[in-house]
């Protein structure tokens, strides 16, 4: 039996994986399908009869685009718009396009293409490729430097034993100290050369976090810091390498403490992510439920133009830093099938988000 024309139109719009919103000449919503409701975060019942500006806010990218089309009567499009979500979570990356319904000014139609999953997969693949590239680079550097470094240190020790003038002893001593510093750097660099040497076991992520926070809190540098834990008790045990996971979050909390210079609030949050994330498998990207762990500080934050470089080995803004901490953290998160992001915190500091799969493929 063929459904009535009106029912067929409604069923067709509801089945589209593209959001569709139709407005009248005054910008009031006449029609909104289910995909548009998901992307915008408001049901059709909440938007019908209202303008998008009234429902979403005048600065919302969809409201601005529709208003401009109604005013100018031309087709407009914006790609990769950041569409905020009402109930927490990251903004969606959405391609917007709007055009007049006809040349008589009878209104406009807006389409919304959610590109978040595709961009998520691109970022995940990029993170894996960079981790592999850094591993190859680190292995080559360590091999080329370690051998001559041993000879330099041995020669400095021999020279120190032969010098009779105490005023000259400081020079071979300085050579020894600098070669030892380079060796420590190579040891850190070696962390980027290791492959799938994970020793997985069932772990309670909260126990891992509490242990390292308790250890760090004894440091005099933490005397003026406050630590807030916001844990989700529903998180199950995860398959993790406890040592490597500790190393990841130890780097993150130390960076946060150093950024706050002894005073501020460190917030550690855990929760089951509300959206299935993509993880690489032999067959491509598979959606998996993830656990989100966030480390946020109230420090000065990281300038936006530097964010793309923070996981690059040897990139550092701190005097005396090696610039390997975040690169190593990324390495072990990726090896666990997760991914790591860094951005601005809620209070202007820095927030690092680590996503780990509840069940590894």
C-alpha atoms as a PDB file:
ATOM      1  CA  UNK A   1       0.000   0.000   0.000  1.00  0.00           C
ATOM      2  CA  UNK A   2       1.445   3.367  -1.023  1.00  0.00           C
ATOM      3  CA  UNK A   3       1.327   5.915   1.850  1.00  0.00           C
ATOM      4  CA  UNK A   4      -0.385   9.253   1.415  1.00  0.00           C
ATOM      5  CA  UNK A   5       1.767  11.966  -0.145  1.00  0.00           C
ATOM      6  CA  UNK A   6       2.025  13.925   3.129  1.00  0.00           C
ATOM      7  CA  UNK A   7       3.042  10.809   5.063  1.00  0.00           C
ATOM      8  CA  UNK A   8       5.564   9.872   2.399  1.00  0.00           C
ATOM      9  CA  UNK A   9       7.175  13.307   2.576  1.00  0.00           C
ATOM     10  CA  UNK A  10       7.383  13.123   6.366  1.00  0.00           C
ATOM     11  CA  UNK A  11       8.881   9.630   6.291  1.00  0.00           C
ATOM     12  CA  UNK A  12      11.422  10.678   3.655  1.00  0.00           C
ATOM     13  CA  UNK A  13      12.540  13.723   5.644  1.00  0.00           C
ATOM     14  CA  UNK A  14      12.753  11.705   8.853  1.00  0.00           C
ATOM     15  CA  UNK A  15      14.980   9.080   7.212  1.00  0.00           C
ATOM     16  CA  UNK A  16      17.512  11.546   5.791  1.00  0.00           C
ATOM     17  CA  UNK A  17      20.961  11.655   7.414  1.00  0.00           C
ATOM     18  CA  UNK A  18      21.011  15.349   6.533  1.00  0.00           C
ATOM     19  CA  UNK A  19      19.344  17.947   8.727  1.00  0.00           C
ATOM     20  CA  UNK A  20      16.651  20.017   6.996  1.00  0.00           C
ATOM     21  CA  UNK A  21      14.978  23.155   8.358  1.00  0.00           C
ATOM     22  CA  UNK A  22      12.465  25.250   6.420  1.00  0.00           C
ATOM     23  CA  UNK A  23      11.558  28.784   7.542  1.00  0.00           C
ATOM     24  CA  UNK A  24       8.980  31.327   6.386  1.00  0.00           C
ATOM     25  CA  UNK A  25       9.845  34.846   5.138  1.00  0.00           C
ATOM     26  CA  UNK A  26      10.037  36.089   8.750  1.00  0.00           C
ATOM     27  CA  UNK A  27      12.437  33.312   9.693  1.00  0.00           C
ATOM     28  CA  UNK A  28       9.956  31.254  11.695  1.00  0.00           C
ATOM     29  CA  UNK A  29      10.503  27.494  11.532  1.00  0.00           C
ATOM     30  CA  UNK A  30       7.886  25.654   9.474  1.00  0.00           C
ATOM     31  CA  UNK A  31       9.551  22.242   9.244  1.00  0.00           C
ATOM     32  CA  UNK A  32      12.439  20.482  10.950  1.00  0.00           C
ATOM     33  CA  UNK A  33      13.413  16.843  10.485  1.00  0.00           C
ATOM     34  CA  UNK A  34      14.846  14.546  13.161  1.00  0.00           C
ATOM     35  CA  UNK A  35      18.481  14.871  12.044  1.00  0.00           C
ATOM     36  CA  UNK A  36      18.270  18.661  12.312  1.00  0.00           C
ATOM     37  CA  UNK A  37      16.798  18.249  15.807  1.00  0.00           C
ATOM     38  CA  UNK A  38      19.746  16.041  16.808  1.00  0.00           C
ATOM     39  CA  UNK A  39      22.351  18.454  15.471  1.00  0.00           C
ATOM     40  CA  UNK A  40      20.729  21.602  16.862  1.00  0.00           C
ATOM     41  CA  UNK A  41      19.787  20.012  20.177  1.00  0.00           C
ATOM     42  CA  UNK A  42      16.146  21.162  20.040  1.00  0.00           C
ATOM     43  CA  UNK A  43      13.098  19.168  19.026  1.00  0.00           C
ATOM     44  CA  UNK A  44      10.803  20.343  16.255  1.00  0.00           C
ATOM     45  CA  UNK A  45       8.132  21.020  18.885  1.00  0.00           C
ATOM     46  CA  UNK A  46      10.473  23.520  20.542  1.00  0.00           C
ATOM     47  CA  UNK A  47      11.421  25.361  17.346  1.00  0.00           C
ATOM     48  CA  UNK A  48       8.223  25.393  15.265  1.00  0.00           C
ATOM     49  CA  UNK A  49       6.749  28.880  15.073  1.00  0.00           C
ATOM     50  CA  UNK A  50       9.896  30.493  16.446  1.00  0.00           C
ATOM     51  CA  UNK A  51      12.900  31.894  14.629  1.00  0.00           C
ATOM     52  CA  UNK A  52      16.206  30.061  14.958  1.00  0.00           C
ATOM     53  CA  UNK A  53      17.637  33.175  16.592  1.00  0.00           C
ATOM     54  CA  UNK A  54      14.958  33.003  19.303  1.00  0.00           C
ATOM     55  CA  UNK A  55      15.586  29.316  19.967  1.00  0.00           C
ATOM     56  CA  UNK A  56      19.332  28.997  19.411  1.00  0.00           C
ATOM     57  CA  UNK A  57      20.561  32.539  19.957  1.00  0.00           C
ATOM     58  CA  UNK A  58      21.357  35.203  17.392  1.00  0.00           C
ATOM     59  CA  UNK A  59      25.043  34.235  17.241  1.00  0.00           C
ATOM     60  CA  UNK A  60      24.408  30.568  16.501  1.00  0.00           C
ATOM     61  CA  UNK A  61      25.942  29.823  13.059  1.00  0.00           C
ATOM     62  CA  UNK A  62      22.676  28.316  11.720  1.00  0.00           C
ATOM     63  CA  UNK A  63      20.628  31.313  12.871  1.00  0.00           C
ATOM     64  CA  UNK A  64      23.113  33.782  11.371  1.00  0.00           C
ATOM     65  CA  UNK A  65      23.215  31.979   8.022  1.00  0.00           C
ATOM     66  CA  UNK A  66      19.420  31.785   7.667  1.00  0.00           C
ATOM     67  CA  UNK A  67      18.992  35.451   8.635  1.00  0.00           C
ATOM     68  CA  UNK A  68      21.532  36.503   6.037  1.00  0.00           C
ATOM     69  CA  UNK A  69      19.870  34.430   3.282  1.00  0.00           C
ATOM     70  CA  UNK A  70      16.466  35.916   4.068  1.00  0.00           C
ATOM     71  CA  UNK A  71      17.946  39.411   3.990  1.00  0.00           C
ATOM     72  CA  UNK A  72      20.095  39.084   0.846  1.00  0.00           C
ATOM     73  CA  UNK A  73      18.123  36.457  -1.109  1.00  0.00           C
ATOM     74  CA  UNK A  74      21.249  34.525  -2.163  1.00  0.00           C
ATOM     75  CA  UNK A  75      22.635  31.022  -1.580  1.00  0.00           C
ATOM     76  CA  UNK A  76      25.174  30.804   1.253  1.00  0.00           C
ATOM     77  CA  UNK A  77      27.247  28.016   2.768  1.00  0.00           C
ATOM     78  CA  UNK A  78      29.717  27.607   5.616  1.00  0.00           C
ATOM     79  CA  UNK A  79      31.845  24.522   6.152  1.00  0.00           C
ATOM     80  CA  UNK A  80      33.077  22.991   9.409  1.00  0.00           C
ATOM     81  CA  UNK A  81      30.998  25.284  11.623  1.00  0.00           C
ATOM     82  CA  UNK A  82      31.302  24.634  15.330  1.00  0.00           C
ATOM     83  CA  UNK A  83      27.777  23.883  16.547  1.00  0.00           C
ATOM     84  CA  UNK A  84      27.554  23.826  20.369  1.00  0.00           C
ATOM     85  CA  UNK A  85      25.695  21.087  22.204  1.00  0.00           C
ATOM     86  CA  UNK A  86      23.123  21.849  24.876  1.00  0.00           C
ATOM     87  CA  UNK A  87      24.041  18.981  27.220  1.00  0.00           C
ATOM     88  CA  UNK A  88      27.813  19.193  27.470  1.00  0.00           C
ATOM     89  CA  UNK A  89      30.095  17.399  25.065  1.00  0.00           C
ATOM     90  CA  UNK A  90      32.238  18.744  22.282  1.00  0.00           C
ATOM     91  CA  UNK A  91      30.717  20.979  19.601  1.00  0.00           C
ATOM     92  CA  UNK A  92      29.780  19.227  16.371  1.00  0.00           C
ATOM     93  CA  UNK A  93      31.562  20.047  13.123  1.00  0.00           C
ATOM     94  CA  UNK A  94      28.740  20.827  10.698  1.00  0.00           C
ATOM     95  CA  UNK A  95      28.575  21.971   7.072  1.00  0.00           C
ATOM     96  CA  UNK A  96      25.720  24.464   6.685  1.00  0.00           C
ATOM     97  CA  UNK A  97      24.013  25.546   3.470  1.00  0.00           C
ATOM     98  CA  UNK A  98      20.972  27.805   3.052  1.00  0.00           C
ATOM     99  CA  UNK A  99      19.099  29.106   0.059  1.00  0.00           C
ATOM    100  CA  UNK A 100      15.823  30.899  -0.672  1.00  0.00           C
ATOM    101  CA  UNK A 101      12.830  28.629  -1.249  1.00  0.00           C
ATOM    102  CA  UNK A 102      12.047  30.490  -4.458  1.00  0.00           C
ATOM    103  CA  UNK A 103      12.560  33.850  -6.138  1.00  0.00           C
ATOM    104  CA  UNK A 104       9.427  35.289  -4.506  1.00  0.00           C
ATOM    105  CA  UNK A 105      10.891  35.509  -1.037  1.00  0.00           C
ATOM    106  CA  UNK A 106       8.683  32.754   0.397  1.00  0.00           C
ATOM    107  CA  UNK A 107      11.276  31.736   2.961  1.00  0.00           C
ATOM    108  CA  UNK A 108      14.446  29.657   3.038  1.00  0.00           C
ATOM    109  CA  UNK A 109      15.663  26.090   3.545  1.00  0.00           C
ATOM    110  CA  UNK A 110      18.688  25.174   5.639  1.00  0.00           C
ATOM    111  CA  UNK A 111      20.595  21.888   5.359  1.00  0.00           C
ATOM    112  CA  UNK A 112      23.012  20.605   7.998  1.00  0.00           C
ATOM    113  CA  UNK A 113      25.640  17.900   7.307  1.00  0.00           C
ATOM    114  CA  UNK A 114      27.296  16.538  10.465  1.00  0.00           C
ATOM    115  CA  UNK A 115      30.970  15.966   9.603  1.00  0.00           C
ATOM    116  CA  UNK A 116      32.097  15.216  13.162  1.00  0.00           C
ATOM    117  CA  UNK A 117      32.640  11.457  12.727  1.00  0.00           C
ATOM    118  CA  UNK A 118      34.674  11.911   9.538  1.00  0.00           C
ATOM    119  CA  UNK A 119      36.857  14.585  11.083  1.00  0.00           C
ATOM    120  CA  UNK A 120      37.231  12.452  14.209  1.00  0.00           C
ATOM    121  CA  UNK A 121      38.535   9.575  12.116  1.00  0.00           C
ATOM    122  CA  UNK A 122      40.929  11.856  10.218  1.00  0.00           C
ATOM    123  CA  UNK A 123      42.339  13.172  13.492  1.00  0.00           C
ATOM    124  CA  UNK A 124      42.682   9.655  14.882  1.00  0.00           C
ATOM    125  CA  UNK A 125      44.528   8.380  11.806  1.00  0.00           C
ATOM    126  CA  UNK A 126      46.789  11.444  11.887  1.00  0.00           C
ATOM    127  CA  UNK A 127      47.612  10.824  15.540  1.00  0.00           C
ATOM    128  CA  UNK A 128      48.546   7.202  14.832  1.00  0.00           C
ATOM    129  CA  UNK A 129      50.673   8.133  11.829  1.00  0.00           C
ATOM    130  CA  UNK A 130      52.508  10.808  13.794  1.00  0.00           C
ATOM    131  CA  UNK A 131      53.172   8.390  16.660  1.00  0.00           C
ATOM    132  CA  UNK A 132      54.720   5.883  14.230  1.00  0.00           C
ATOM    133  CA  UNK A 133      56.791   8.582  12.548  1.00  0.00           C
ATOM    134  CA  UNK A 134      58.103   9.879  15.879  1.00  0.00           C
ATOM    135  CA  UNK A 135      59.007   6.329  16.897  1.00  0.00           C
ATOM    136  CA  UNK A 136      61.113   5.832  13.759  1.00  0.00           C
ATOM    137  CA  UNK A 137      62.751   9.231  14.171  1.00  0.00           C
ATOM    138  CA  UNK A 138      63.525   8.627  17.843  1.00  0.00           C
ATOM    139  CA  UNK A 139      65.077   5.223  17.149  1.00  0.00           C
ATOM    140  CA  UNK A 140      67.417   6.703  14.544  1.00  0.00           C
ATOM    141  CA  UNK A 141      68.495   9.611  16.734  1.00  0.00           C
ATOM    142  CA  UNK A 142      69.098   7.446  19.793  1.00  0.00           C
ATOM    143  CA  UNK A 143      71.206   4.967  17.824  1.00  0.00           C
ATOM    144  CA  UNK A 144      73.375   7.651  16.227  1.00  0.00           C
ATOM    145  CA  UNK A 145      74.015   9.571  19.453  1.00  0.00           C
ATOM    146  CA  UNK A 146      74.320   6.923  22.170  1.00  0.00           C
ATOM    147  CA  UNK A 147      77.556   5.315  20.968  1.00  0.00           C
ATOM    148  CA  UNK A 148      79.696   8.460  20.524  1.00  0.00           C
ATOM    149  CA  UNK A 149      78.244   9.828  23.761  1.00  0.00           C
ATOM    150  CA  UNK A 150      79.778   6.945  25.703  1.00  0.00           C
ATOM    151  CA  UNK A 151      83.172   7.674  24.189  1.00  0.00           C
ATOM    152  CA  UNK A 152      82.932  11.377  25.057  1.00  0.00           C
ATOM    153  CA  UNK A 153      82.071  10.613  28.684  1.00  0.00           C
ATOM    154  CA  UNK A 154      84.882   8.062  28.997  1.00  0.00           C
ATOM    155  CA  UNK A 155      87.399  10.524  27.595  1.00  0.00           C
ATOM    156  CA  UNK A 156      86.225  13.190  30.048  1.00  0.00           C
ATOM    157  CA  UNK A 157      86.751  10.815  32.983  1.00  0.00           C
ATOM    158  CA  UNK A 158      90.238   9.939  31.754  1.00  0.00           C
ATOM    159  CA  UNK A 159      91.113  13.594  31.255  1.00  0.00           C
ATOM    160  CA  UNK A 160      89.865  14.468  34.742  1.00  0.00           C
ATOM    161  CA  UNK A 161      92.112  11.828  36.301  1.00  0.00           C
ATOM    162  CA  UNK A 162      95.182  13.171  34.483  1.00  0.00           C
ATOM    163  CA  UNK A 163      94.773  16.872  35.259  1.00  0.00           C
ATOM    164  CA  UNK A 164      96.973  18.155  38.022  1.00  0.00           C
ATOM    165  CA  UNK A 165      95.648  21.709  37.980  1.00  0.00           C
ATOM    166  CA  UNK A 166      92.458  21.937  40.118  1.00  0.00           C
ATOM    167  CA  UNK A 167      91.367  25.001  38.143  1.00  0.00           C
ATOM    168  CA  UNK A 168      91.024  22.842  35.031  1.00  0.00           C
ATOM    169  CA  UNK A 169      89.097  19.986  36.659  1.00  0.00           C
ATOM    170  CA  UNK A 170      85.778  21.780  36.229  1.00  0.00           C
ATOM    171  CA  UNK A 171      85.916  21.378  32.435  1.00  0.00           C
ATOM    172  CA  UNK A 172      85.924  17.565  32.203  1.00  0.00           C
ATOM    173  CA  UNK A 173      83.406  17.555  35.058  1.00  0.00           C
ATOM    174  CA  UNK A 174      81.148  19.817  32.981  1.00  0.00           C
ATOM    175  CA  UNK A 175      81.536  17.466  30.007  1.00  0.00           C
ATOM    176  CA  UNK A 176      80.479  14.506  32.179  1.00  0.00           C
ATOM    177  CA  UNK A 177      77.439  16.334  33.519  1.00  0.00           C
ATOM    178  CA  UNK A 178      76.307  17.379  30.052  1.00  0.00           C
ATOM    179  CA  UNK A 179      76.755  13.885  28.609  1.00  0.00           C
ATOM    180  CA  UNK A 180      74.711  12.492  31.514  1.00  0.00           C
ATOM    181  CA  UNK A 181      71.985  15.028  30.722  1.00  0.00           C
ATOM    182  CA  UNK A 182      71.987  13.954  27.079  1.00  0.00           C
ATOM    183  CA  UNK A 183      71.793  10.308  28.155  1.00  0.00           C
ATOM    184  CA  UNK A 184      68.700  11.052  30.248  1.00  0.00           C
ATOM    185  CA  UNK A 185      67.198  12.749  27.216  1.00  0.00           C
ATOM    186  CA  UNK A 186      67.929   9.664  25.115  1.00  0.00           C
ATOM    187  CA  UNK A 187      66.275   7.484  27.745  1.00  0.00           C
ATOM    188  CA  UNK A 188      63.147   9.624  27.439  1.00  0.00           C
ATOM    189  CA  UNK A 189      63.395   9.503  23.685  1.00  0.00           C
ATOM    190  CA  UNK A 190      63.572   5.710  23.825  1.00  0.00           C
ATOM    191  CA  UNK A 191      59.995   5.712  25.122  1.00  0.00           C
ATOM    192  CA  UNK A 192      58.920   6.768  21.631  1.00  0.00           C
ATOM    193  CA  UNK A 193      60.667   3.786  19.985  1.00  0.00           C
ATOM    194  CA  UNK A 194      58.832   1.050  21.824  1.00  0.00           C
ATOM    195  CA  UNK A 195      56.133  -0.847  20.024  1.00  0.00           C
ATOM    196  CA  UNK A 196      53.205  -2.862  21.300  1.00  0.00           C
ATOM    197  CA  UNK A 197      54.945  -3.877  24.529  1.00  0.00           C
ATOM    198  CA  UNK A 198      51.849  -3.339  26.665  1.00  0.00           C
ATOM    199  CA  UNK A 199      51.296  -5.538  29.702  1.00  0.00           C
ATOM    200  CA  UNK A 200      47.529  -5.398  29.869  1.00  0.00           C
ATOM    201  CA  UNK A 201      45.502  -6.238  32.929  1.00  0.00           C
ATOM    202  CA  UNK A 202      42.094  -5.344  34.316  1.00  0.00           C
ATOM    203  CA  UNK A 203      42.522  -1.978  36.068  1.00  0.00           C
ATOM    204  CA  UNK A 204      40.370   0.447  37.994  1.00  0.00           C
ATOM    205  CA  UNK A 205      41.240   3.789  36.409  1.00  0.00           C
ATOM    206  CA  UNK A 206      40.309   5.648  39.605  1.00  0.00           C
ATOM    207  CA  UNK A 207      42.814   3.636  41.635  1.00  0.00           C
ATOM    208  CA  UNK A 208      45.528   4.467  39.101  1.00  0.00           C
ATOM    209  CA  UNK A 209      44.701   8.181  39.302  1.00  0.00           C
ATOM    210  CA  UNK A 210      44.405   8.258  43.098  1.00  0.00           C
ATOM    211  CA  UNK A 211      47.789   6.584  43.588  1.00  0.00           C
ATOM    212  CA  UNK A 212      49.679   9.029  41.396  1.00  0.00           C
ATOM    213  CA  UNK A 213      47.840  12.036  42.871  1.00  0.00           C
ATOM    214  CA  UNK A 214      48.679  10.844  46.391  1.00  0.00           C
ATOM    215  CA  UNK A 215      52.323  10.458  45.383  1.00  0.00           C
ATOM    216  CA  UNK A 216      52.517  13.914  43.799  1.00  0.00           C
ATOM    217  CA  UNK A 217      50.715  15.644  46.676  1.00  0.00           C
ATOM    218  CA  UNK A 218      53.694  14.966  48.944  1.00  0.00           C
ATOM    219  CA  UNK A 219      55.904  17.200  46.819  1.00  0.00           C
ATOM    220  CA  UNK A 220      56.604  20.663  48.312  1.00  0.00           C
ATOM    221  CA  UNK A 221      55.709  22.156  44.903  1.00  0.00           C
ATOM    222  CA  UNK A 222      52.121  20.992  45.453  1.00  0.00           C
ATOM    223  CA  UNK A 223      51.700  22.651  48.839  1.00  0.00           C
ATOM    224  CA  UNK A 224      49.529  25.477  47.436  1.00  0.00           C
ATOM    225  CA  UNK A 225      47.523  23.361  45.011  1.00  0.00           C
ATOM    226  CA  UNK A 226      43.977  22.127  45.471  1.00  0.00           C
ATOM    227  CA  UNK A 227      42.897  18.887  43.829  1.00  0.00           C
ATOM    228  CA  UNK A 228      39.301  18.164  42.881  1.00  0.00           C
ATOM    229  CA  UNK A 229      38.203  14.716  41.773  1.00  0.00           C
ATOM    230  CA  UNK A 230      34.992  14.294  39.777  1.00  0.00           C
ATOM    231  CA  UNK A 231      34.783  10.563  39.191  1.00  0.00           C
ATOM    232  CA  UNK A 232      32.065   8.562  37.462  1.00  0.00           C
ATOM    233  CA  UNK A 233      31.453   5.508  39.677  1.00  0.00           C
ATOM    234  CA  UNK A 234      29.815   3.608  36.805  1.00  0.00           C
ATOM    235  CA  UNK A 235      33.094   3.191  34.888  1.00  0.00           C
ATOM    236  CA  UNK A 236      33.994  -0.514  34.654  1.00  0.00           C
ATOM    237  CA  UNK A 237      37.489  -1.919  34.892  1.00  0.00           C
ATOM    238  CA  UNK A 238      39.533  -1.283  31.762  1.00  0.00           C
ATOM    239  CA  UNK A 239      42.176  -3.328  29.995  1.00  0.00           C
ATOM    240  CA  UNK A 240      45.247  -1.171  30.580  1.00  0.00           C
ATOM    241  CA  UNK A 241      48.954  -1.361  31.149  1.00  0.00           C
ATOM    242  CA  UNK A 242      48.982   0.177  34.653  1.00  0.00           C
ATOM    243  CA  UNK A 243      52.594   1.365  34.432  1.00  0.00           C
ATOM    244  CA  UNK A 244      52.163   3.068  31.071  1.00  0.00           C
ATOM    245  CA  UNK A 245      48.816   4.550  32.062  1.00  0.00           C
ATOM    246  CA  UNK A 246      50.395   5.948  35.217  1.00  0.00           C
ATOM    247  CA  UNK A 247      53.184   7.421  33.097  1.00  0.00           C
ATOM    248  CA  UNK A 248      50.635   9.154  30.850  1.00  0.00           C
ATOM    249  CA  UNK A 249      48.669  10.815  33.636  1.00  0.00           C
ATOM    250  CA  UNK A 250      51.766  11.555  35.707  1.00  0.00           C
ATOM    251  CA  UNK A 251      53.063  13.647  32.808  1.00  0.00           C
ATOM    252  CA  UNK A 252      49.729  15.431  32.544  1.00  0.00           C
ATOM    253  CA  UNK A 253      49.321  16.301  36.239  1.00  0.00           C
ATOM    254  CA  UNK A 254      52.945  17.414  36.500  1.00  0.00           C
ATOM    255  CA  UNK A 255      52.503  19.699  33.502  1.00  0.00           C
ATOM    256  CA  UNK A 256      49.359  21.123  35.091  1.00  0.00           C
ATOM    257  CA  UNK A 257      51.101  21.755  38.415  1.00  0.00           C
ATOM    258  CA  UNK A 258      54.045  23.435  36.716  1.00  0.00           C
ATOM    259  CA  UNK A 259      51.700  25.654  34.687  1.00  0.00           C
ATOM    260  CA  UNK A 260      50.015  26.871  37.905  1.00  0.00           C
ATOM    261  CA  UNK A 261      53.380  27.563  39.579  1.00  0.00           C
ATOM    262  CA  UNK A 262      52.328  26.200  42.941  1.00  0.00           C
ATOM    263  CA  UNK A 263      48.897  27.838  43.273  1.00  0.00           C
ATOM    264  CA  UNK A 264      45.581  26.894  41.706  1.00  0.00           C
ATOM    265  CA  UNK A 265      43.026  24.147  41.226  1.00  0.00           C
ATOM    266  CA  UNK A 266      43.747  20.840  39.522  1.00  0.00           C
ATOM    267  CA  UNK A 267      40.569  19.049  38.431  1.00  0.00           C
ATOM    268  CA  UNK A 268      40.584  15.412  37.381  1.00  0.00           C
ATOM    269  CA  UNK A 269      37.326  14.228  35.814  1.00  0.00           C
ATOM    270  CA  UNK A 270      36.253  10.807  34.568  1.00  0.00           C
ATOM    271  CA  UNK A 271      33.106   9.678  32.807  1.00  0.00           C
ATOM    272  CA  UNK A 272      31.826   7.304  30.194  1.00  0.00           C
ATOM    273  CA  UNK A 273      31.667   9.236  26.942  1.00  0.00           C
ATOM    274  CA  UNK A 274      28.117   9.701  25.691  1.00  0.00           C
ATOM    275  CA  UNK A 275      29.121   9.241  22.051  1.00  0.00           C
ATOM    276  CA  UNK A 276      30.760   6.145  20.590  1.00  0.00           C
ATOM    277  CA  UNK A 277      34.227   6.997  19.324  1.00  0.00           C
ATOM    278  CA  UNK A 278      36.207   5.523  16.463  1.00  0.00           C
ATOM    279  CA  UNK A 279      39.214   3.303  17.142  1.00  0.00           C
ATOM    280  CA  UNK A 280      41.430   1.725  14.494  1.00  0.00           C
ATOM    281  CA  UNK A 281      40.937  -1.978  13.783  1.00  0.00           C
ATOM    282  CA  UNK A 282      42.178  -4.323  11.089  1.00  0.00           C
ATOM    283  CA  UNK A 283      39.007  -3.538   9.157  1.00  0.00           C
ATOM    284  CA  UNK A 284      39.141   0.217   9.545  1.00  0.00           C
ATOM    285  CA  UNK A 285      37.555   2.449  12.147  1.00  0.00           C
ATOM    286  CA  UNK A 286      35.107   0.786  14.517  1.00  0.00           C
ATOM    287  CA  UNK A 287      32.803   2.626  16.946  1.00  0.00           C
ATOM    288  CA  UNK A 288      33.583   1.763  20.575  1.00  0.00           C
ATOM    289  CA  UNK A 289      32.318   3.150  23.861  1.00  0.00           C
ATOM    290  CA  UNK A 290      35.093   5.200  25.472  1.00  0.00           C
ATOM    291  CA  UNK A 291      36.049   6.421  28.920  1.00  0.00           C
ATOM    292  CA  UNK A 292      36.988  10.090  29.123  1.00  0.00           C
ATOM    293  CA  UNK A 293      39.620  11.313  31.594  1.00  0.00           C
ATOM    294  CA  UNK A 294      40.228  15.058  31.766  1.00  0.00           C
ATOM    295  CA  UNK A 295      43.028  16.890  33.556  1.00  0.00           C
ATOM    296  CA  UNK A 296      42.357  20.620  33.842  1.00  0.00           C
ATOM    297  CA  UNK A 297      44.369  23.387  35.474  1.00  0.00           C
ATOM    298  CA  UNK A 298      43.784  27.051  36.239  1.00  0.00           C
ATOM    299  CA  UNK A 299      47.094  28.221  34.825  1.00  0.00           C
ATOM    300  CA  UNK A 300      47.643  30.772  32.057  1.00  0.00           C
ATOM    301  CA  UNK A 301      46.676  28.346  29.287  1.00  0.00           C
ATOM    302  CA  UNK A 302      48.350  27.651  25.947  1.00  0.00           C
ATOM    303  CA  UNK A 303      48.041  30.140  23.069  1.00  0.00           C
ATOM    304  CA  UNK A 304      45.758  28.748  20.382  1.00  0.00           C
ATOM    305  CA  UNK A 305      48.391  29.051  17.672  1.00  0.00           C
ATOM    306  CA  UNK A 306      50.697  26.704  19.635  1.00  0.00           C
ATOM    307  CA  UNK A 307      48.137  23.936  20.226  1.00  0.00           C
ATOM    308  CA  UNK A 308      48.905  22.079  16.944  1.00  0.00           C
ATOM    309  CA  UNK A 309      52.546  21.707  18.052  1.00  0.00           C
ATOM    310  CA  UNK A 310      52.243  20.538  21.671  1.00  0.00           C
ATOM    311  CA  UNK A 311      52.626  16.820  20.847  1.00  0.00           C
ATOM    312  CA  UNK A 312      55.687  17.399  18.656  1.00  0.00           C
ATOM    313  CA  UNK A 313      58.864  15.992  20.252  1.00  0.00           C
ATOM    314  CA  UNK A 314      61.178  18.652  21.713  1.00  0.00           C
ATOM    315  CA  UNK A 315      58.517  21.351  21.577  1.00  0.00           C
ATOM    316  CA  UNK A 316      58.418  23.008  24.986  1.00  0.00           C
ATOM    317  CA  UNK A 317      57.545  26.376  26.527  1.00  0.00           C
ATOM    318  CA  UNK A 318      59.183  25.595  29.855  1.00  0.00           C
ATOM    319  CA  UNK A 319      62.813  26.349  30.648  1.00  0.00           C
ATOM    320  CA  UNK A 320      64.614  23.094  31.328  1.00  0.00           C
ATOM    321  CA  UNK A 321      61.887  20.961  29.751  1.00  0.00           C
ATOM    322  CA  UNK A 322      62.752  18.298  27.182  1.00  0.00           C
ATOM    323  CA  UNK A 323      59.538  18.670  25.208  1.00  0.00           C
ATOM    324  CA  UNK A 324      58.971  14.901  25.283  1.00  0.00           C
ATOM    325  CA  UNK A 325      56.345  14.535  28.018  1.00  0.00           C
ATOM    326  CA  UNK A 326      53.258  15.047  25.851  1.00  0.00           C
ATOM    327  CA  UNK A 327      54.761  13.149  22.916  1.00  0.00           C
ATOM    328  CA  UNK A 328      55.328  10.140  25.198  1.00  0.00           C
ATOM    329  CA  UNK A 329      51.832  10.482  26.662  1.00  0.00           C
ATOM    330  CA  UNK A 330      50.384  10.471  23.150  1.00  0.00           C
ATOM    331  CA  UNK A 331      52.463   7.421  22.259  1.00  0.00           C
ATOM    332  CA  UNK A 332      51.049   5.285  25.069  1.00  0.00           C
ATOM    333  CA  UNK A 333      47.486   6.526  24.690  1.00  0.00           C
ATOM    334  CA  UNK A 334      47.577   5.608  20.995  1.00  0.00           C
ATOM    335  CA  UNK A 335      49.043   2.181  21.831  1.00  0.00           C
ATOM    336  CA  UNK A 336      46.038   1.586  24.077  1.00  0.00           C
ATOM    337  CA  UNK A 337      43.672   2.338  21.181  1.00  0.00           C
ATOM    338  CA  UNK A 338      42.750   5.762  22.512  1.00  0.00           C
ATOM    339  CA  UNK A 339      43.497   9.332  21.647  1.00  0.00           C
ATOM    340  CA  UNK A 340      44.405  12.535  23.425  1.00  0.00           C
ATOM    341  CA  UNK A 341      43.398  16.167  22.877  1.00  0.00           C
ATOM    342  CA  UNK A 342      44.446  19.422  24.441  1.00  0.00           C
ATOM    343  CA  UNK A 343      42.659  22.763  24.524  1.00  0.00           C
ATOM    344  CA  UNK A 344      41.389  25.578  26.693  1.00  0.00           C
ATOM    345  CA  UNK A 345      39.828  24.778  30.046  1.00  0.00           C
ATOM    346  CA  UNK A 346      36.555  26.071  31.421  1.00  0.00           C
ATOM    347  CA  UNK A 347      38.361  28.731  33.465  1.00  0.00           C
ATOM    348  CA  UNK A 348      40.940  29.801  30.912  1.00  0.00           C
ATOM    349  CA  UNK A 349      43.633  27.283  31.842  1.00  0.00           C
ATOM    350  CA  UNK A 350      44.465  24.111  29.957  1.00  0.00           C
ATOM    351  CA  UNK A 351      42.365  20.961  29.680  1.00  0.00           C
ATOM    352  CA  UNK A 352      43.809  17.678  28.420  1.00  0.00           C
ATOM    353  CA  UNK A 353      41.298  15.009  27.460  1.00  0.00           C
ATOM    354  CA  UNK A 354      42.265  11.353  27.181  1.00  0.00           C
ATOM    355  CA  UNK A 355      39.841   8.857  25.635  1.00  0.00           C
ATOM    356  CA  UNK A 356      40.428   5.166  26.337  1.00  0.00           C
ATOM    357  CA  UNK A 357      38.332   2.274  24.994  1.00  0.00           C
ATOM    358  CA  UNK A 358      36.268   0.334  27.504  1.00  0.00           C
ATOM    359  CA  UNK A 359      36.980  -2.828  25.554  1.00  0.00           C
ATOM    360  CA  UNK A 360      39.973  -3.185  23.293  1.00  0.00           C
ATOM    361  CA  UNK A 361      39.502  -4.645  19.837  1.00  0.00           C
END
